[in-house]
């Protein structure tokens, strides 16, 4: 019974910690494909663990720093060799993440969580929605529309010339 009560209290504590960041605190960041992006997160000092996650990745994470070093076990393959902390010493609680060479597949909601020294459980610090756009996508659309318009003009001109010489 005591063990059950302990787990219940721990679950409630984690739920309260997770609810400390409201949706109104969510930040939105837009970047172009190929850019390097900094996802900002500032936590209290004395940080033992930093975890960056994206909900759609399941058990795999974007970045994990624990016990004084990066941990690569269970890191999602698409983030290998592309992410790092902006400040490896985490001065003044800066646990911002640099994501290099972003692609459209990096679009999503990122969560920054920390464990402070002497505490238990991850504390949600910030939520950031990253939207990556392909700048070539809009150029490709414009070129496509121009080519289609040129084909229509050429077809109409060909039809007019054909009718003129036929009649």
Protein backbone atom coordinates (compact mmCIF):
# COMPACT_ATOMS: atom_id res chain seq x y z
CA UNK A 1 0.00 0.00 0.00
CA UNK A 2 2.84 2.40 0.87
CA UNK A 3 4.59 1.65 -2.45
CA UNK A 4 1.35 2.27 -4.35
CA UNK A 5 0.84 5.58 -2.53
CA UNK A 6 4.43 6.58 -3.28
CA UNK A 7 4.00 5.89 -7.00
CA UNK A 8 0.70 7.78 -7.00
CA UNK A 9 2.31 10.84 -5.40
CA UNK A 10 5.24 10.67 -7.84
CA UNK A 11 2.82 10.46 -10.79
CA UNK A 12 0.88 13.48 -9.52
CA UNK A 13 4.15 15.43 -9.05
CA UNK A 14 5.26 14.63 -12.62
CA UNK A 15 1.83 15.64 -13.94
CA UNK A 16 1.99 18.97 -12.09
CA UNK A 17 5.53 19.61 -13.43
CA UNK A 18 4.43 18.81 -16.97
CA UNK A 19 1.50 21.20 -16.75
CA UNK A 20 3.66 24.19 -15.74
CA UNK A 21 4.16 25.19 -19.38
CA UNK A 22 0.91 26.30 -21.00
CA UNK A 23 0.16 26.33 -24.70
CA UNK A 24 0.30 30.13 -24.60
CA UNK A 25 4.00 29.77 -23.72
CA UNK A 26 4.65 27.79 -26.90
CA UNK A 27 7.06 29.50 -29.28
CA UNK A 28 6.85 29.27 -33.06
CA UNK A 29 9.97 29.26 -35.23
CA UNK A 30 10.05 29.27 -39.02
CA UNK A 31 13.18 28.37 -40.99
CA UNK A 32 14.16 27.63 -44.57
CA UNK A 33 15.42 24.21 -45.54
CA UNK A 34 19.22 24.06 -45.24
CA UNK A 35 19.50 26.65 -42.46
CA UNK A 36 20.86 26.09 -38.96
CA UNK A 37 18.25 26.82 -36.29
CA UNK A 38 18.55 27.51 -32.57
CA UNK A 39 15.66 26.30 -30.41
CA UNK A 40 15.93 28.38 -27.25
CA UNK A 41 15.49 26.99 -23.76
CA UNK A 42 16.60 28.54 -20.49
CA UNK A 43 16.42 26.46 -17.33
CA UNK A 44 17.54 26.97 -13.73
CA UNK A 45 21.24 26.41 -12.97
CA UNK A 46 22.62 23.09 -11.65
CA UNK A 47 21.32 20.98 -14.50
CA UNK A 48 21.97 17.26 -14.38
CA UNK A 49 20.04 16.16 -17.48
CA UNK A 50 18.78 17.93 -20.63
CA UNK A 51 16.38 16.18 -22.94
CA UNK A 52 15.00 17.49 -26.23
CA UNK A 53 12.12 15.45 -27.69
CA UNK A 54 9.61 15.56 -30.48
CA UNK A 55 6.35 13.80 -29.60
CA UNK A 56 6.01 12.02 -32.95
CA UNK A 57 9.34 10.18 -32.48
CA UNK A 58 8.05 7.79 -29.81
CA UNK A 59 10.79 6.51 -27.48
CA UNK A 60 13.60 8.05 -29.49
CA UNK A 61 14.76 11.54 -28.66
CA UNK A 62 16.30 14.48 -30.52
CA UNK A 63 19.11 15.15 -28.01
CA UNK A 64 20.02 13.87 -24.55
CA UNK A 65 22.73 15.21 -22.23
CA UNK A 66 23.23 13.24 -19.03
CA UNK A 67 26.03 12.88 -16.50
CA UNK A 68 28.25 15.46 -18.19
CA UNK A 69 28.05 14.21 -21.79
CA UNK A 70 25.87 13.61 -24.82
CA UNK A 71 24.12 10.26 -24.91
CA UNK A 72 23.60 8.70 -28.34
CA UNK A 73 21.64 5.61 -27.29
CA UNK A 74 18.02 5.88 -28.58
CA UNK A 75 18.68 9.11 -30.48
CA UNK A 76 16.51 9.28 -33.58
CA UNK A 77 18.73 8.55 -36.62
CA UNK A 78 17.69 11.72 -38.47
CA UNK A 79 19.31 13.87 -35.76
CA UNK A 80 22.66 12.07 -35.50
CA UNK A 81 25.57 14.52 -36.04
CA UNK A 82 23.12 17.42 -36.60
CA UNK A 83 22.28 18.58 -33.06
CA UNK A 84 24.22 20.00 -30.14
CA UNK A 85 23.81 22.37 -27.23
CA UNK A 86 24.44 26.02 -28.04
CA UNK A 87 26.46 26.33 -24.82
CA UNK A 88 28.04 23.05 -23.74
CA UNK A 89 28.78 24.51 -20.28
CA UNK A 90 25.09 25.49 -19.96
CA UNK A 91 26.05 28.85 -18.40
CA UNK A 92 23.12 30.68 -16.84
CA UNK A 93 20.88 27.69 -17.60
CA UNK A 94 21.15 28.05 -21.39
CA UNK A 95 20.21 24.62 -22.76
CA UNK A 96 19.25 25.87 -26.23
CA UNK A 97 19.59 23.35 -29.04
CA UNK A 98 21.27 23.98 -32.39
CA UNK A 99 19.74 21.95 -35.22
CA UNK A 100 21.96 22.02 -38.31
CA UNK A 101 20.87 21.78 -41.95
CA UNK A 102 17.13 21.59 -41.27
CA UNK A 103 14.80 19.83 -43.68
CA UNK A 104 11.03 19.80 -44.08
CA UNK A 105 11.07 16.53 -42.11
CA UNK A 106 12.29 18.48 -39.05
CA UNK A 107 8.93 20.29 -38.85
CA UNK A 108 7.23 19.51 -35.54
CA UNK A 109 6.78 20.34 -31.87
CA UNK A 110 9.95 20.17 -29.78
CA UNK A 111 9.99 19.92 -25.99
CA UNK A 112 12.89 20.93 -23.75
CA UNK A 113 13.00 19.14 -20.39
CA UNK A 114 15.60 19.16 -17.62
CA UNK A 115 16.43 17.45 -14.35
CA UNK A 116 18.04 19.75 -11.81
CA UNK A 117 20.72 18.38 -9.50
CA UNK A 118 19.13 17.01 -6.36
CA UNK A 119 15.67 16.58 -7.90
CA UNK A 120 13.86 13.72 -9.60
CA UNK A 121 11.88 13.68 -12.80
CA UNK A 122 12.07 15.70 -15.97
CA UNK A 123 10.67 19.23 -15.78
CA UNK A 124 9.13 20.69 -18.94
CA UNK A 125 10.77 24.06 -19.62
CA UNK A 126 9.69 25.05 -23.14
CA UNK A 127 7.69 23.95 -26.15
CA UNK A 128 8.70 25.13 -29.62
CA UNK A 129 6.90 24.49 -32.89
CA UNK A 130 9.41 24.46 -35.76
CA UNK A 131 8.07 24.96 -39.27
CA UNK A 132 10.59 24.35 -42.06
CA UNK A 133 9.78 25.62 -45.55
CA UNK A 134 11.48 24.82 -48.81
CA UNK A 135 12.29 28.14 -50.52
CA UNK A 136 12.58 26.34 -53.85
CA UNK A 137 9.01 25.10 -53.50
CA UNK A 138 7.52 28.53 -54.17
CA UNK A 139 9.94 29.16 -57.06
CA UNK A 140 9.02 25.79 -58.56
CA UNK A 141 5.33 26.68 -58.35
CA UNK A 142 5.89 30.03 -60.07
CA UNK A 143 7.97 28.42 -62.84
CA UNK A 144 5.28 25.76 -63.29
CA UNK A 145 2.53 28.37 -63.63
CA UNK A 146 4.62 30.40 -66.12
CA UNK A 147 5.34 27.32 -68.23
CA UNK A 148 1.65 26.36 -68.23
CA UNK A 149 0.67 29.91 -69.24
CA UNK A 150 3.24 29.91 -72.06
CA UNK A 151 1.86 26.59 -73.34
CA UNK A 152 -1.70 27.96 -73.32
CA UNK A 153 -0.60 31.09 -75.23
CA UNK A 154 1.32 28.97 -77.75
CA UNK A 155 -1.69 26.67 -78.24
CA UNK A 156 -4.06 29.61 -78.77
CA UNK A 157 -1.63 31.31 -81.17
CA UNK A 158 -1.19 28.03 -83.10
CA UNK A 159 -4.95 27.59 -83.34
CA UNK A 160 -5.45 31.17 -84.62
CA UNK A 161 -2.70 30.74 -87.24
CA UNK A 162 -4.14 27.38 -88.30
CA UNK A 163 -7.67 28.88 -88.74
CA UNK A 164 -6.27 31.86 -90.67
CA UNK A 165 -4.40 29.72 -93.19
CA UNK A 166 -7.14 27.10 -93.47
CA UNK A 167 -9.83 29.65 -94.32
